[in-house]
């Protein structure tokens, strides 16, 4: 069974996985690496988002796409009506209030244990240079690969016609890479810092939910692009894919606490199943 300190077994190193001429993850002391991190930090500061195009080698992308296609049928789907805050709507606000604006959320997630341990997806997730690079860009002294047996590395599957509706994240950041783009749609849209810790700014949120577009930024991501994103105060969504193809994204989870893992109750709610490690975390 994989643990947080288990080595990769595929034999793929940093130079095998990433375009190190463009993104020098293997030379942290170089000026090019420092410039890259400075660029990422500036984009995250200004926009809460940075995209690094063509981050992995084409053969690596192809291998991960094949793994995703093979396992997409095993995705666990959740279907629930939620507001943008993932909270219970209060009774004492009008129906037009953002806290009362419910949207159907229905997307699939492929569990980490569905991927072969000696495959390319696991090799990329375990890569120490990538973990350190993510920490440097996000301003953390140290990050660790998430050790949850189901939730550490996943593929999100978004079916045609299913919008990933407007919402705020509860986690500090997300690290993702588009694997498969749909024929149309599937556009990442976001409004940076629409709220703060002091002001929820419900009027502005309501305007976006009602269709206001002036403040909305869009990203047409391409397979192999790495995205670092802070979604806590950034309202965001992925528009519904059109055509016959799914939109699939690789999600890589890193944490500040190396022993952290989901509770049994959370695992049951998300995956419909509990791993023995979840029981120990209670």
C-alpha atoms as a PDB file:
ATOM      1  CA  UNK A   1       0.000   0.000   0.000  1.00  0.00           C
ATOM      2  CA  UNK A   2       1.246   3.469  -0.873  1.00  0.00           C
ATOM      3  CA  UNK A   3       2.265   5.833   1.925  1.00  0.00           C
ATOM      4  CA  UNK A   4       3.400   9.424   1.822  1.00  0.00           C
ATOM      5  CA  UNK A   5       7.074   8.534   1.709  1.00  0.00           C
ATOM      6  CA  UNK A   6       6.841   5.692  -0.817  1.00  0.00           C
ATOM      7  CA  UNK A   7       9.115   6.138  -3.859  1.00  0.00           C
ATOM      8  CA  UNK A   8       7.825   6.149  -7.397  1.00  0.00           C
ATOM      9  CA  UNK A   9       8.160   2.785  -9.126  1.00  0.00           C
ATOM     10  CA  UNK A  10       7.740   3.697 -12.799  1.00  0.00           C
ATOM     11  CA  UNK A  11      11.329   4.876 -13.235  1.00  0.00           C
ATOM     12  CA  UNK A  12      10.190   8.238 -14.642  1.00  0.00           C
ATOM     13  CA  UNK A  13      12.200  11.119 -13.237  1.00  0.00           C
ATOM     14  CA  UNK A  14      11.731  14.867 -13.422  1.00  0.00           C
ATOM     15  CA  UNK A  15      13.351  15.232 -16.847  1.00  0.00           C
ATOM     16  CA  UNK A  16      11.256  12.349 -18.184  1.00  0.00           C
ATOM     17  CA  UNK A  17       7.984  13.849 -16.944  1.00  0.00           C
ATOM     18  CA  UNK A  18       8.261  17.607 -17.454  1.00  0.00           C
ATOM     19  CA  UNK A  19       9.437  20.020 -20.116  1.00  0.00           C
ATOM     20  CA  UNK A  20      12.488  20.982 -18.056  1.00  0.00           C
ATOM     21  CA  UNK A  21      13.929  23.232 -20.780  1.00  0.00           C
ATOM     22  CA  UNK A  22      10.906  25.461 -20.363  1.00  0.00           C
ATOM     23  CA  UNK A  23      10.212  24.718 -16.691  1.00  0.00           C
ATOM     24  CA  UNK A  24      13.465  23.911 -14.898  1.00  0.00           C
ATOM     25  CA  UNK A  25      12.086  21.956 -11.957  1.00  0.00           C
ATOM     26  CA  UNK A  26      15.335  19.998 -11.768  1.00  0.00           C
ATOM     27  CA  UNK A  27      17.474  23.074 -11.030  1.00  0.00           C
ATOM     28  CA  UNK A  28      15.962  24.962  -8.119  1.00  0.00           C
ATOM     29  CA  UNK A  29      19.100  27.082  -7.657  1.00  0.00           C
ATOM     30  CA  UNK A  30      19.031  28.506 -11.176  1.00  0.00           C
ATOM     31  CA  UNK A  31      17.970  32.021 -12.106  1.00  0.00           C
ATOM     32  CA  UNK A  32      15.452  30.546 -14.569  1.00  0.00           C
ATOM     33  CA  UNK A  33      13.753  28.626 -11.768  1.00  0.00           C
ATOM     34  CA  UNK A  34      13.627  31.713  -9.548  1.00  0.00           C
ATOM     35  CA  UNK A  35      12.148  33.746 -12.406  1.00  0.00           C
ATOM     36  CA  UNK A  36       9.529  31.055 -13.028  1.00  0.00           C
ATOM     37  CA  UNK A  37       8.491  30.999  -9.374  1.00  0.00           C
ATOM     38  CA  UNK A  38       8.408  34.814  -9.272  1.00  0.00           C
ATOM     39  CA  UNK A  39       6.140  34.839 -12.333  1.00  0.00           C
ATOM     40  CA  UNK A  40       3.802  32.281 -10.779  1.00  0.00           C
ATOM     41  CA  UNK A  41       3.635  34.180  -7.497  1.00  0.00           C
ATOM     42  CA  UNK A  42       2.893  37.446  -9.285  1.00  0.00           C
ATOM     43  CA  UNK A  43       0.059  35.850 -11.273  1.00  0.00           C
ATOM     44  CA  UNK A  44      -1.366  34.239  -8.135  1.00  0.00           C
ATOM     45  CA  UNK A  45      -1.169  37.534  -6.261  1.00  0.00           C
ATOM     46  CA  UNK A  46      -2.863  39.508  -9.022  1.00  0.00           C
ATOM     47  CA  UNK A  47      -5.280  36.892 -10.337  1.00  0.00           C
ATOM     48  CA  UNK A  48      -5.424  33.984  -7.855  1.00  0.00           C
ATOM     49  CA  UNK A  49      -4.534  31.812 -10.847  1.00  0.00           C
ATOM     50  CA  UNK A  50      -1.522  30.863 -12.932  1.00  0.00           C
ATOM     51  CA  UNK A  51      -1.444  28.555 -15.952  1.00  0.00           C
ATOM     52  CA  UNK A  52       1.779  26.972 -17.208  1.00  0.00           C
ATOM     53  CA  UNK A  53       1.145  25.700 -20.753  1.00  0.00           C
ATOM     54  CA  UNK A  54       2.617  22.431 -21.987  1.00  0.00           C
ATOM     55  CA  UNK A  55       3.991  21.573 -18.566  1.00  0.00           C
ATOM     56  CA  UNK A  56       4.480  17.837 -19.204  1.00  0.00           C
ATOM     57  CA  UNK A  57       6.140  16.063 -22.092  1.00  0.00           C
ATOM     58  CA  UNK A  58       3.788  14.950 -24.901  1.00  0.00           C
ATOM     59  CA  UNK A  59       4.461  11.249 -24.270  1.00  0.00           C
ATOM     60  CA  UNK A  60       3.660  11.729 -20.577  1.00  0.00           C
ATOM     61  CA  UNK A  61       0.414  13.483 -21.422  1.00  0.00           C
ATOM     62  CA  UNK A  62      -0.539  10.663 -23.768  1.00  0.00           C
ATOM     63  CA  UNK A  63       0.165   8.059 -21.095  1.00  0.00           C
ATOM     64  CA  UNK A  64      -1.929   9.911 -18.510  1.00  0.00           C
ATOM     65  CA  UNK A  65      -4.736  10.388 -21.014  1.00  0.00           C
ATOM     66  CA  UNK A  66      -4.742   6.649 -21.636  1.00  0.00           C
ATOM     67  CA  UNK A  67      -4.944   5.951 -17.898  1.00  0.00           C
ATOM     68  CA  UNK A  68      -7.789   8.434 -17.563  1.00  0.00           C
ATOM     69  CA  UNK A  69      -9.718   6.942 -20.472  1.00  0.00           C
ATOM     70  CA  UNK A  70      -9.238   3.438 -19.101  1.00  0.00           C
ATOM     71  CA  UNK A  71     -10.551   4.364 -15.653  1.00  0.00           C
ATOM     72  CA  UNK A  72     -13.186   6.986 -16.487  1.00  0.00           C
ATOM     73  CA  UNK A  73     -15.902   4.344 -16.317  1.00  0.00           C
ATOM     74  CA  UNK A  74     -15.042   3.710 -12.654  1.00  0.00           C
ATOM     75  CA  UNK A  75     -15.699   7.330 -11.631  1.00  0.00           C
ATOM     76  CA  UNK A  76     -17.862   7.875  -8.559  1.00  0.00           C
ATOM     77  CA  UNK A  77     -20.625  10.401  -9.252  1.00  0.00           C
ATOM     78  CA  UNK A  78     -22.206  12.741  -6.753  1.00  0.00           C
ATOM     79  CA  UNK A  79     -25.473  14.459  -7.571  1.00  0.00           C
ATOM     80  CA  UNK A  80     -26.643  17.209  -5.260  1.00  0.00           C
ATOM     81  CA  UNK A  81     -28.258  20.647  -5.296  1.00  0.00           C
ATOM     82  CA  UNK A  82     -25.817  23.119  -3.738  1.00  0.00           C
ATOM     83  CA  UNK A  83     -25.381  26.861  -3.322  1.00  0.00           C
ATOM     84  CA  UNK A  84     -22.022  28.500  -4.216  1.00  0.00           C
ATOM     85  CA  UNK A  85     -20.886  28.172  -0.596  1.00  0.00           C
ATOM     86  CA  UNK A  86     -21.728  24.470  -0.107  1.00  0.00           C
ATOM     87  CA  UNK A  87     -23.778  25.492   2.915  1.00  0.00           C
ATOM     88  CA  UNK A  88     -27.314  25.035   4.156  1.00  0.00           C
ATOM     89  CA  UNK A  89     -29.342  28.029   2.923  1.00  0.00           C
ATOM     90  CA  UNK A  90     -30.875  30.101   5.728  1.00  0.00           C
ATOM     91  CA  UNK A  91     -34.619  30.628   5.804  1.00  0.00           C
ATOM     92  CA  UNK A  92     -34.519  34.366   6.504  1.00  0.00           C
ATOM     93  CA  UNK A  93     -33.088  35.555   3.150  1.00  0.00           C
ATOM     94  CA  UNK A  94     -34.953  36.093  -0.152  1.00  0.00           C
ATOM     95  CA  UNK A  95     -34.863  33.520  -2.921  1.00  0.00           C
ATOM     96  CA  UNK A  96     -32.656  35.832  -5.005  1.00  0.00           C
ATOM     97  CA  UNK A  97     -29.905  35.847  -2.363  1.00  0.00           C
ATOM     98  CA  UNK A  98     -26.713  33.924  -3.335  1.00  0.00           C
ATOM     99  CA  UNK A  99     -27.121  31.707  -0.274  1.00  0.00           C
ATOM    100  CA  UNK A 100     -30.420  30.512  -1.746  1.00  0.00           C
ATOM    101  CA  UNK A 101     -29.173  30.053  -5.305  1.00  0.00           C
ATOM    102  CA  UNK A 102     -29.079  26.289  -5.727  1.00  0.00           C
ATOM    103  CA  UNK A 103     -27.554  24.518  -8.734  1.00  0.00           C
ATOM    104  CA  UNK A 104     -27.313  20.832  -9.544  1.00  0.00           C
ATOM    105  CA  UNK A 105     -23.768  19.571  -9.138  1.00  0.00           C
ATOM    106  CA  UNK A 106     -23.085  16.286 -10.889  1.00  0.00           C
ATOM    107  CA  UNK A 107     -19.578  15.227 -11.795  1.00  0.00           C
ATOM    108  CA  UNK A 108     -17.468  12.112 -11.518  1.00  0.00           C
ATOM    109  CA  UNK A 109     -14.244  11.511  -9.633  1.00  0.00           C
ATOM    110  CA  UNK A 110     -11.894   8.605 -10.298  1.00  0.00           C
ATOM    111  CA  UNK A 111     -10.364   7.407  -7.039  1.00  0.00           C
ATOM    112  CA  UNK A 112      -6.604   7.307  -6.572  1.00  0.00           C
ATOM    113  CA  UNK A 113      -6.552   3.552  -6.011  1.00  0.00           C
ATOM    114  CA  UNK A 114      -8.022   2.962  -9.482  1.00  0.00           C
ATOM    115  CA  UNK A 115      -4.712   3.970 -11.089  1.00  0.00           C
ATOM    116  CA  UNK A 116      -1.866   1.496 -11.308  1.00  0.00           C
ATOM    117  CA  UNK A 117       0.863   2.211  -8.783  1.00  0.00           C
ATOM    118  CA  UNK A 118       3.609   1.964 -11.391  1.00  0.00           C
ATOM    119  CA  UNK A 119       1.791   4.164 -13.903  1.00  0.00           C
ATOM    120  CA  UNK A 120       2.547   7.661 -15.119  1.00  0.00           C
ATOM    121  CA  UNK A 121      -0.126   9.434 -13.051  1.00  0.00           C
ATOM    122  CA  UNK A 122       1.262   8.085  -9.781  1.00  0.00           C
ATOM    123  CA  UNK A 123       4.816   8.815 -10.895  1.00  0.00           C
ATOM    124  CA  UNK A 124       3.952  12.443 -11.591  1.00  0.00           C
ATOM    125  CA  UNK A 125       2.071  12.857  -8.312  1.00  0.00           C
ATOM    126  CA  UNK A 126       4.946  11.415  -6.255  1.00  0.00           C
ATOM    127  CA  UNK A 127       7.576  13.552  -7.948  1.00  0.00           C
ATOM    128  CA  UNK A 128       9.398  15.518  -5.253  1.00  0.00           C
ATOM    129  CA  UNK A 129      10.491  18.325  -7.583  1.00  0.00           C
ATOM    130  CA  UNK A 130       6.876  18.988  -8.571  1.00  0.00           C
ATOM    131  CA  UNK A 131       5.746  19.049  -4.935  1.00  0.00           C
ATOM    132  CA  UNK A 132       8.535  21.460  -4.038  1.00  0.00           C
ATOM    133  CA  UNK A 133       7.759  23.642  -7.069  1.00  0.00           C
ATOM    134  CA  UNK A 134       4.082  23.884  -6.106  1.00  0.00           C
ATOM    135  CA  UNK A 135       5.095  24.880  -2.566  1.00  0.00           C
ATOM    136  CA  UNK A 136       7.502  27.535  -3.867  1.00  0.00           C
ATOM    137  CA  UNK A 137       4.891  29.036  -6.183  1.00  0.00           C
ATOM    138  CA  UNK A 138       2.202  29.130  -3.508  1.00  0.00           C
ATOM    139  CA  UNK A 139       4.549  30.503  -0.855  1.00  0.00           C
ATOM    140  CA  UNK A 140       4.675  27.504   1.473  1.00  0.00           C
ATOM    141  CA  UNK A 141       7.911  26.480   3.139  1.00  0.00           C
ATOM    142  CA  UNK A 142       6.954  22.823   2.725  1.00  0.00           C
ATOM    143  CA  UNK A 143       4.110  20.826   1.229  1.00  0.00           C
ATOM    144  CA  UNK A 144       3.502  17.086   1.312  1.00  0.00           C
ATOM    145  CA  UNK A 145       1.690  14.753  -1.035  1.00  0.00           C
ATOM    146  CA  UNK A 146      -1.744  14.019   0.422  1.00  0.00           C
ATOM    147  CA  UNK A 147      -1.827  10.456   1.748  1.00  0.00           C
ATOM    148  CA  UNK A 148      -5.564   9.822   1.564  1.00  0.00           C
ATOM    149  CA  UNK A 149      -5.949   6.463  -0.246  1.00  0.00           C
ATOM    150  CA  UNK A 150      -8.904   7.661  -2.350  1.00  0.00           C
ATOM    151  CA  UNK A 151      -8.481  11.437  -2.572  1.00  0.00           C
ATOM    152  CA  UNK A 152      -4.764  12.095  -3.072  1.00  0.00           C
ATOM    153  CA  UNK A 153      -4.752  12.066  -6.871  1.00  0.00           C
ATOM    154  CA  UNK A 154      -7.956  11.974  -8.907  1.00  0.00           C
ATOM    155  CA  UNK A 155      -9.437  12.577 -12.310  1.00  0.00           C
ATOM    156  CA  UNK A 156     -12.508  14.772 -12.490  1.00  0.00           C
ATOM    157  CA  UNK A 157     -14.936  13.660 -15.197  1.00  0.00           C
ATOM    158  CA  UNK A 158     -17.387  16.275 -16.481  1.00  0.00           C
ATOM    159  CA  UNK A 159     -20.011  14.862 -18.834  1.00  0.00           C
ATOM    160  CA  UNK A 160     -21.467  16.825 -21.775  1.00  0.00           C
ATOM    161  CA  UNK A 161     -24.293  19.079 -20.659  1.00  0.00           C
ATOM    162  CA  UNK A 162     -23.153  19.158 -17.024  1.00  0.00           C
ATOM    163  CA  UNK A 163     -21.984  22.541 -15.780  1.00  0.00           C
ATOM    164  CA  UNK A 164     -19.597  22.663 -12.841  1.00  0.00           C
ATOM    165  CA  UNK A 165     -21.621  25.467 -11.289  1.00  0.00           C
ATOM    166  CA  UNK A 166     -20.432  28.739  -9.699  1.00  0.00           C
ATOM    167  CA  UNK A 167     -18.847  28.184  -6.289  1.00  0.00           C
ATOM    168  CA  UNK A 168     -16.118  29.075  -3.815  1.00  0.00           C
ATOM    169  CA  UNK A 169     -13.572  26.482  -2.672  1.00  0.00           C
ATOM    170  CA  UNK A 170     -13.101  25.495   0.955  1.00  0.00           C
ATOM    171  CA  UNK A 171      -9.463  24.469   0.461  1.00  0.00           C
ATOM    172  CA  UNK A 172      -6.514  26.870   0.259  1.00  0.00           C
ATOM    173  CA  UNK A 173      -5.554  25.988  -3.313  1.00  0.00           C
ATOM    174  CA  UNK A 174      -6.006  23.475  -6.114  1.00  0.00           C
ATOM    175  CA  UNK A 175      -3.453  21.988  -8.478  1.00  0.00           C
ATOM    176  CA  UNK A 176      -4.854  20.576 -11.695  1.00  0.00           C
ATOM    177  CA  UNK A 177      -3.999  19.627 -15.251  1.00  0.00           C
ATOM    178  CA  UNK A 178      -6.437  19.257 -18.101  1.00  0.00           C
ATOM    179  CA  UNK A 179      -6.156  15.808 -19.710  1.00  0.00           C
ATOM    180  CA  UNK A 180      -9.043  15.702 -22.192  1.00  0.00           C
ATOM    181  CA  UNK A 181     -10.837  18.726 -23.605  1.00  0.00           C
ATOM    182  CA  UNK A 182     -14.406  18.418 -24.922  1.00  0.00           C
ATOM    183  CA  UNK A 183     -15.511  19.290 -28.432  1.00  0.00           C
ATOM    184  CA  UNK A 184     -16.910  22.577 -27.128  1.00  0.00           C
ATOM    185  CA  UNK A 185     -17.643  24.336 -23.854  1.00  0.00           C
ATOM    186  CA  UNK A 186     -15.818  23.221 -20.724  1.00  0.00           C
ATOM    187  CA  UNK A 187     -14.419  26.741 -20.218  1.00  0.00           C
ATOM    188  CA  UNK A 188     -12.987  27.715 -16.849  1.00  0.00           C
ATOM    189  CA  UNK A 189     -14.490  31.036 -15.707  1.00  0.00           C
ATOM    190  CA  UNK A 190     -13.628  32.988 -12.570  1.00  0.00           C
ATOM    191  CA  UNK A 191     -13.941  36.293 -10.726  1.00  0.00           C
ATOM    192  CA  UNK A 192     -10.865  36.886  -8.542  1.00  0.00           C
ATOM    193  CA  UNK A 193     -11.349  38.222  -5.000  1.00  0.00           C
ATOM    194  CA  UNK A 194     -15.031  38.958  -5.424  1.00  0.00           C
ATOM    195  CA  UNK A 195     -15.290  38.544  -1.661  1.00  0.00           C
ATOM    196  CA  UNK A 196     -12.951  39.021   1.298  1.00  0.00           C
ATOM    197  CA  UNK A 197     -12.777  37.735   4.847  1.00  0.00           C
ATOM    198  CA  UNK A 198     -14.454  40.998   5.930  1.00  0.00           C
ATOM    199  CA  UNK A 199     -17.074  41.330   3.173  1.00  0.00           C
ATOM    200  CA  UNK A 200     -19.008  38.563   1.412  1.00  0.00           C
ATOM    201  CA  UNK A 201     -20.080  41.104  -1.236  1.00  0.00           C
ATOM    202  CA  UNK A 202     -23.335  39.290  -1.897  1.00  0.00           C
ATOM    203  CA  UNK A 203     -24.557  41.934  -4.369  1.00  0.00           C
ATOM    204  CA  UNK A 204     -21.591  41.338  -6.678  1.00  0.00           C
ATOM    205  CA  UNK A 205     -21.932  37.571  -6.355  1.00  0.00           C
ATOM    206  CA  UNK A 206     -25.633  37.788  -7.162  1.00  0.00           C
ATOM    207  CA  UNK A 207     -24.866  39.886 -10.243  1.00  0.00           C
ATOM    208  CA  UNK A 208     -22.547  37.187 -11.619  1.00  0.00           C
ATOM    209  CA  UNK A 209     -25.099  34.469 -10.862  1.00  0.00           C
ATOM    210  CA  UNK A 210     -27.655  36.587 -12.750  1.00  0.00           C
ATOM    211  CA  UNK A 211     -25.402  36.737 -15.816  1.00  0.00           C
ATOM    212  CA  UNK A 212     -23.175  39.801 -15.338  1.00  0.00           C
ATOM    213  CA  UNK A 213     -20.068  39.187 -17.480  1.00  0.00           C
ATOM    214  CA  UNK A 214     -17.915  42.309 -17.130  1.00  0.00           C
ATOM    215  CA  UNK A 215     -15.954  40.957 -14.158  1.00  0.00           C
ATOM    216  CA  UNK A 216     -15.687  37.371 -15.439  1.00  0.00           C
ATOM    217  CA  UNK A 217     -12.362  36.083 -16.750  1.00  0.00           C
ATOM    218  CA  UNK A 218     -12.126  32.978 -18.930  1.00  0.00           C
ATOM    219  CA  UNK A 219      -9.512  30.309 -19.549  1.00  0.00           C
ATOM    220  CA  UNK A 220      -9.622  27.889 -22.467  1.00  0.00           C
ATOM    221  CA  UNK A 221      -7.181  25.373 -21.000  1.00  0.00           C
ATOM    222  CA  UNK A 222      -5.386  22.856 -23.198  1.00  0.00           C
ATOM    223  CA  UNK A 223      -4.358  19.298 -22.304  1.00  0.00           C
ATOM    224  CA  UNK A 224      -1.013  19.321 -20.493  1.00  0.00           C
ATOM    225  CA  UNK A 225      -1.475  22.801 -18.985  1.00  0.00           C
ATOM    226  CA  UNK A 226      -0.756  22.973 -15.246  1.00  0.00           C
ATOM    227  CA  UNK A 227      -3.061  25.286 -13.275  1.00  0.00           C
ATOM    228  CA  UNK A 228      -2.473  26.570  -9.752  1.00  0.00           C
ATOM    229  CA  UNK A 229      -5.540  28.259  -8.345  1.00  0.00           C
ATOM    230  CA  UNK A 230      -6.725  29.882  -5.134  1.00  0.00           C
ATOM    231  CA  UNK A 231     -10.502  29.580  -5.094  1.00  0.00           C
ATOM    232  CA  UNK A 232     -11.425  30.559  -1.558  1.00  0.00           C
ATOM    233  CA  UNK A 233     -12.397  34.131  -2.443  1.00  0.00           C
ATOM    234  CA  UNK A 234     -12.666  33.581  -6.180  1.00  0.00           C
ATOM    235  CA  UNK A 235     -16.067  32.671  -7.588  1.00  0.00           C
ATOM    236  CA  UNK A 236     -15.532  30.140 -10.372  1.00  0.00           C
ATOM    237  CA  UNK A 237     -17.145  27.501 -12.540  1.00  0.00           C
ATOM    238  CA  UNK A 238     -16.541  25.273 -15.575  1.00  0.00           C
ATOM    239  CA  UNK A 239     -19.162  25.660 -18.274  1.00  0.00           C
ATOM    240  CA  UNK A 240     -20.963  22.577 -19.571  1.00  0.00           C
ATOM    241  CA  UNK A 241     -19.073  20.600 -22.224  1.00  0.00           C
ATOM    242  CA  UNK A 242     -20.819  20.257 -25.575  1.00  0.00           C
ATOM    243  CA  UNK A 243     -20.553  17.449 -28.090  1.00  0.00           C
ATOM    244  CA  UNK A 244     -19.857  13.823 -27.223  1.00  0.00           C
ATOM    245  CA  UNK A 245     -16.558  14.001 -25.318  1.00  0.00           C
ATOM    246  CA  UNK A 246     -16.044  14.293 -21.551  1.00  0.00           C
ATOM    247  CA  UNK A 247     -13.857  16.966 -20.016  1.00  0.00           C
ATOM    248  CA  UNK A 248     -11.251  15.263 -17.803  1.00  0.00           C
ATOM    249  CA  UNK A 249      -8.868  16.982 -15.390  1.00  0.00           C
ATOM    250  CA  UNK A 250      -6.142  15.531 -13.222  1.00  0.00           C
ATOM    251  CA  UNK A 251      -6.297  16.776  -9.613  1.00  0.00           C
ATOM    252  CA  UNK A 252      -3.120  16.642  -7.491  1.00  0.00           C
ATOM    253  CA  UNK A 253      -3.555  17.152  -3.754  1.00  0.00           C
ATOM    254  CA  UNK A 254      -0.855  18.551  -1.485  1.00  0.00           C
ATOM    255  CA  UNK A 255      -1.152  19.371   2.218  1.00  0.00           C
ATOM    256  CA  UNK A 256       0.749  21.132   4.980  1.00  0.00           C
ATOM    257  CA  UNK A 257       0.138  18.291   7.462  1.00  0.00           C
ATOM    258  CA  UNK A 258       1.730  15.048   6.220  1.00  0.00           C
ATOM    259  CA  UNK A 259      -0.529  12.885   8.411  1.00  0.00           C
ATOM    260  CA  UNK A 260      -3.809  14.455   7.335  1.00  0.00           C
ATOM    261  CA  UNK A 261      -6.410  12.194   5.726  1.00  0.00           C
ATOM    262  CA  UNK A 262     -10.163  12.331   5.252  1.00  0.00           C
ATOM    263  CA  UNK A 263     -12.510  11.186   7.976  1.00  0.00           C
ATOM    264  CA  UNK A 264     -14.566   8.041   7.545  1.00  0.00           C
ATOM    265  CA  UNK A 265     -17.745  10.124   7.374  1.00  0.00           C
ATOM    266  CA  UNK A 266     -16.347  12.319   4.601  1.00  0.00           C
ATOM    267  CA  UNK A 267     -15.074   9.316   2.630  1.00  0.00           C
ATOM    268  CA  UNK A 268     -18.457   7.618   2.896  1.00  0.00           C
ATOM    269  CA  UNK A 269     -20.220  10.777   1.727  1.00  0.00           C
ATOM    270  CA  UNK A 270     -17.885  11.377  -1.222  1.00  0.00           C
ATOM    271  CA  UNK A 271     -16.956   7.882  -2.336  1.00  0.00           C
ATOM    272  CA  UNK A 272     -19.698   5.692  -0.895  1.00  0.00           C
ATOM    273  CA  UNK A 273     -16.974   3.576   0.669  1.00  0.00           C
ATOM    274  CA  UNK A 274     -14.543   3.777   3.565  1.00  0.00           C
ATOM    275  CA  UNK A 275     -10.913   2.624   3.506  1.00  0.00           C
ATOM    276  CA  UNK A 276      -9.373   1.137   6.703  1.00  0.00           C
ATOM    277  CA  UNK A 277      -7.048   4.166   6.862  1.00  0.00           C
ATOM    278  CA  UNK A 278     -10.105   6.413   7.138  1.00  0.00           C
ATOM    279  CA  UNK A 279     -11.233   4.468  10.170  1.00  0.00           C
ATOM    280  CA  UNK A 280      -7.870   5.051  11.840  1.00  0.00           C
ATOM    281  CA  UNK A 281      -8.114   8.794  11.260  1.00  0.00           C
ATOM    282  CA  UNK A 282     -11.213   9.104  13.456  1.00  0.00           C
END
